Amino acid sequence: MLILKLSMLQKRLSVMKQTLILFTCGLFTIATFAQQITLPEFNVRRLKIDKTAMTILASYSTANIVYGTIAASQTTGSNKYFHQMNAIWNGVTLGIVALGHFTTKKEGELGLAASLKKQHSVEKLFLFNTALDLGYVAGGAYMYERSKTTTNKPERLKGYGQSVMLQGGVLLLFDGLMYAIHQRHGKRLDSILQNVQIAATGNGIGLIVQL
């Protein structure tokens, strides 16, 4: 029995070792690839990150609209208002996603300065949204607590409060992850900036980017 346990332990250690080696090689490959990234590739990947995230958010919103609408018609009390607000909230979110998708499609090829400006604005946007999401959660919590003492439609206030807390929490997670992902992606600009050279031209001094 002891020999069998030792054999199983050795196999697990071997698997862990192989996994660690593969993981390390993967990190090395990613690091090497990041050093070789070009400016057009950087912008394409930034847009791909946004499009993937918007697709996920749109799918989540659509599911909430459909389910919330059906559930609201089949429930009563605070549950009815909870599902109702889920549908309303995600209807607005889906509209914002559609507008963002339309804006993204109009983006053309960006130079170095424009790419830096765009990257910083994207990071600031998700950071601002994260702070805004905290406000949503706090507002939902206030509505929920207020429902315990008010006599003016407390069930609606309770259901709406629970929904706003939930949806605000989901957006908080979404925007927080998006900020972290874009911030990490933005660090790849360092490898591009290393290829920027100052050169004298006929009209003065200019920047040359090796793509």
Protein backbone atom coordinates (compact mmCIF):
# COMPACT_ATOMS: atom_id res chain seq x y z
CA MET A 1 0.00 0.00 0.00
CA LEU A 2 2.87 2.36 0.91
CA ILE A 3 4.63 1.59 -2.37
CA LEU A 4 1.41 2.29 -4.27
CA LYS A 5 0.97 5.66 -2.53
CA LEU A 6 4.58 6.60 -3.25
CA SER A 7 4.10 5.67 -6.90
CA MET A 8 0.96 7.82 -7.15
CA LEU A 9 2.77 10.70 -5.44
CA GLN A 10 5.65 10.45 -7.91
CA LYS A 11 3.21 10.52 -10.84
CA ARG A 12 1.49 13.63 -9.44
CA LEU A 13 4.83 15.35 -8.91
CA SER A 14 5.81 14.44 -12.46
CA VAL A 15 2.59 15.90 -13.84
CA MET A 16 3.03 19.05 -11.73
CA LYS A 17 6.60 19.38 -12.98
CA GLN A 18 5.55 19.02 -16.61
CA THR A 19 2.74 21.54 -16.09
CA LEU A 20 5.16 23.98 -14.49
CA ILE A 21 7.57 23.62 -17.39
CA LEU A 22 4.80 24.18 -19.95
CA PHE A 23 3.49 27.16 -18.00
CA THR A 24 6.98 28.69 -17.81
CA CYS A 25 7.50 28.13 -21.53
CA GLY A 26 4.13 29.74 -22.19
CA LEU A 27 5.07 32.80 -20.17
CA PHE A 28 8.39 33.01 -22.00
CA THR A 29 6.63 32.77 -25.35
CA ILE A 30 4.17 35.50 -24.40
CA ALA A 31 6.96 37.74 -23.13
CA THR A 32 8.96 37.22 -26.31
CA PHE A 33 5.92 37.85 -28.46
CA ALA A 34 5.12 41.03 -26.55
CA GLN A 35 8.59 42.35 -27.28
CA GLN A 36 8.07 41.82 -31.00
CA ILE A 37 4.61 43.38 -31.28
CA THR A 38 4.10 46.15 -33.80
CA LEU A 39 1.89 49.23 -33.48
CA PRO A 40 -0.82 47.98 -35.91
CA GLU A 41 -0.91 44.64 -34.08
CA PHE A 42 -1.22 46.43 -30.75
CA ASN A 43 -4.28 48.39 -31.89
CA VAL A 44 -5.87 45.34 -33.52
CA ARG A 45 -5.57 43.40 -30.27
CA ARG A 46 -6.97 46.27 -28.24
CA LEU A 47 -10.01 46.32 -30.49
CA LYS A 48 -10.30 42.53 -30.29
CA ILE A 49 -10.31 42.71 -26.48
CA ASP A 50 -13.12 45.26 -26.58
CA LYS A 51 -15.16 43.36 -29.17
CA THR A 52 -14.89 40.10 -27.22
CA ALA A 53 -15.89 41.83 -23.99
CA MET A 54 -18.81 43.60 -25.66
CA THR A 55 -20.03 40.31 -27.12
CA ILE A 56 -20.00 38.72 -23.67
CA LEU A 57 -21.79 41.69 -22.11
CA ALA A 58 -24.36 41.79 -24.92
CA SER A 59 -25.11 38.08 -24.46
CA TYR A 60 -25.51 38.55 -20.72
CA SER A 61 -27.81 41.54 -21.22
CA THR A 62 -29.95 39.74 -23.80
CA ALA A 63 -30.39 36.74 -21.50
CA ASN A 64 -31.42 39.05 -18.64
CA ILE A 65 -33.92 40.89 -20.82
CA VAL A 66 -35.59 37.68 -22.00
CA TYR A 67 -35.59 35.93 -18.64
CA GLY A 68 -36.45 39.08 -16.68
CA THR A 69 -39.43 39.85 -18.90
CA ILE A 70 -40.81 36.31 -18.62
CA ALA A 71 -40.15 36.00 -14.88
CA ALA A 72 -41.69 39.40 -14.13
CA SER A 73 -44.96 38.28 -15.72
CA GLN A 74 -45.04 35.08 -13.67
CA THR A 75 -44.11 36.36 -10.20
CA THR A 76 -45.52 38.79 -7.66
CA GLY A 77 -44.28 41.05 -4.89
CA SER A 78 -40.63 42.08 -4.69
CA ASN A 79 -39.62 39.22 -7.02
CA LYS A 80 -41.72 40.73 -9.81
CA TYR A 81 -39.96 44.09 -9.46
CA PHE A 82 -36.56 42.39 -9.18
CA HIS A 83 -36.95 40.70 -12.56
CA GLN A 84 -38.56 43.81 -14.02
CA MET A 85 -35.56 45.97 -13.14
CA ASN A 86 -33.17 43.30 -14.45
CA ALA A 87 -34.88 43.55 -17.85
CA ILE A 88 -34.95 47.36 -17.82
CA TRP A 89 -31.34 47.69 -16.66
CA ASN A 90 -29.98 45.32 -19.28
CA GLY A 91 -32.06 46.96 -21.99
CA VAL A 92 -30.13 50.16 -21.31
CA THR A 93 -26.84 48.23 -21.11
CA LEU A 94 -27.52 46.55 -24.46
CA GLY A 95 -28.14 49.96 -26.04
CA ILE A 96 -24.81 51.25 -24.69
CA VAL A 97 -23.03 48.14 -26.01
CA ALA A 98 -24.56 48.66 -29.48
CA LEU A 99 -23.43 52.30 -29.48
CA GLY A 100 -19.92 51.28 -28.41
CA HIS A 101 -19.76 48.66 -31.16
CA PHE A 102 -20.78 51.23 -33.77
CA THR A 103 -18.13 53.68 -32.51
CA THR A 104 -15.43 50.99 -32.56
CA LYS A 105 -16.17 50.12 -36.20
CA LYS A 106 -15.48 53.73 -37.22
CA GLU A 107 -11.97 53.72 -35.73
CA GLY A 108 -9.29 53.94 -38.39
CA GLU A 109 -5.56 53.29 -38.34
CA LEU A 110 -3.84 55.14 -35.49
CA GLY A 111 -0.31 56.51 -35.24
CA LEU A 112 1.89 56.26 -32.16
CA ALA A 113 0.64 59.43 -30.44
CA ALA A 114 -3.00 58.58 -31.18
CA SER A 115 -2.48 55.01 -29.97
CA LEU A 116 -1.03 56.23 -26.67
CA LYS A 117 -3.91 58.67 -26.22
CA LYS A 118 -6.50 56.02 -27.07
CA GLN A 119 -4.96 53.46 -24.71
CA HIS A 120 -4.91 55.91 -21.81
CA SER A 121 -8.51 56.99 -22.49
CA VAL A 122 -9.70 53.36 -22.54
CA GLU A 123 -8.01 52.63 -19.20
CA LYS A 124 -9.47 55.80 -17.66
CA LEU A 125 -12.93 54.91 -18.97
CA PHE A 126 -13.00 51.49 -17.31
CA LEU A 127 -11.50 52.91 -14.11
CA PHE A 128 -14.22 55.57 -14.04
CA ASN A 129 -16.87 52.94 -14.73
CA THR A 130 -15.56 50.86 -11.83
CA ALA A 131 -16.07 53.78 -9.46
CA LEU A 132 -19.51 54.37 -10.96
CA ASP A 133 -20.42 50.72 -10.40
CA LEU A 134 -19.61 51.08 -6.71
CA GLY A 135 -22.14 53.92 -6.65
CA TYR A 136 -24.74 51.63 -8.23
CA VAL A 137 -24.18 48.97 -5.59
CA ALA A 138 -24.40 51.56 -2.81
CA GLY A 139 -27.57 53.02 -4.35
CA GLY A 140 -29.17 49.59 -4.57
CA ALA A 141 -28.26 48.87 -0.96
CA TYR A 142 -29.87 52.15 0.08
CA MET A 143 -33.07 51.28 -1.79
CA TYR A 144 -33.16 47.86 -0.16
CA GLU A 145 -32.71 49.28 3.35
CA ARG A 146 -35.22 52.04 2.66
CA SER A 147 -37.83 49.44 1.73
CA LYS A 148 -37.78 48.16 5.31
CA THR A 149 -39.09 51.42 6.75
CA THR A 150 -41.17 53.04 4.01
CA THR A 151 -44.88 52.49 3.45
CA ASN A 152 -44.78 53.74 -0.16
CA LYS A 153 -44.58 50.57 -2.30
CA PRO A 154 -41.87 48.83 -0.20
CA GLU A 155 -41.97 45.67 -2.36
CA ARG A 156 -41.06 47.62 -5.48
CA LEU A 157 -38.26 49.43 -3.67
CA LYS A 158 -36.94 46.14 -2.30
CA GLY A 159 -37.02 44.37 -5.67
CA TYR A 160 -35.46 47.29 -7.50
CA GLY A 161 -32.78 47.62 -4.83
CA GLN A 162 -31.84 43.96 -5.04
CA SER A 163 -31.64 44.18 -8.83
CA VAL A 164 -29.49 47.31 -8.84
CA MET A 165 -27.11 45.73 -6.32
CA LEU A 166 -26.82 42.61 -8.47
CA GLN A 167 -26.37 44.38 -11.80
CA GLY A 168 -24.02 46.94 -10.28
CA GLY A 169 -21.93 44.10 -8.85
CA VAL A 170 -21.78 42.35 -12.21
CA LEU A 171 -20.66 45.56 -13.93
CA LEU A 172 -18.14 46.17 -11.15
CA LEU A 173 -16.57 42.78 -11.86
CA PHE A 174 -16.73 43.34 -15.63
CA ASP A 175 -15.22 46.85 -15.61
CA GLY A 176 -12.59 45.88 -13.03
CA LEU A 177 -11.41 42.97 -15.16
CA MET A 178 -11.46 45.07 -18.31
CA TYR A 179 -9.33 47.74 -16.65
CA ALA A 180 -6.80 45.13 -15.53
CA ILE A 181 -6.72 43.50 -18.98
CA HIS A 182 -6.27 46.80 -20.83
CA GLN A 183 -3.64 47.99 -18.37
CA ARG A 184 -1.68 44.81 -18.94
CA HIS A 185 -2.10 45.12 -22.70
CA GLY A 186 -0.97 48.77 -22.54
CA LYS A 187 2.39 47.70 -21.17
CA ARG A 188 3.13 46.23 -24.58
CA LEU A 189 3.55 49.77 -25.83
CA ASP A 190 6.88 49.79 -23.99
CA SER A 191 8.32 47.42 -26.59
CA ILE A 192 7.07 49.72 -29.36
CA LEU A 193 8.49 52.84 -27.73
CA GLN A 194 11.88 51.13 -27.63
CA ASN A 195 11.83 51.22 -31.43
CA VAL A 196 11.17 54.96 -31.57
CA GLN A 197 14.16 56.98 -32.74
CA ILE A 198 14.72 60.71 -32.91
CA ALA A 199 16.05 61.76 -36.30
CA ALA A 200 16.84 65.05 -37.99
CA THR A 201 14.74 65.86 -41.06
CA GLY A 202 14.70 68.68 -43.57
CA ASN A 203 12.09 70.51 -41.50
CA GLY A 204 13.65 69.88 -38.07
CA ILE A 205 13.56 66.91 -35.73
CA GLY A 206 11.11 64.06 -36.08
CA LEU A 207 10.29 60.62 -34.68
CA ILE A 208 10.82 57.41 -36.61
CA VAL A 209 8.91 54.30 -35.52
CA GLN A 210 10.32 51.00 -36.71
CA LEU A 211 7.26 48.83 -37.45
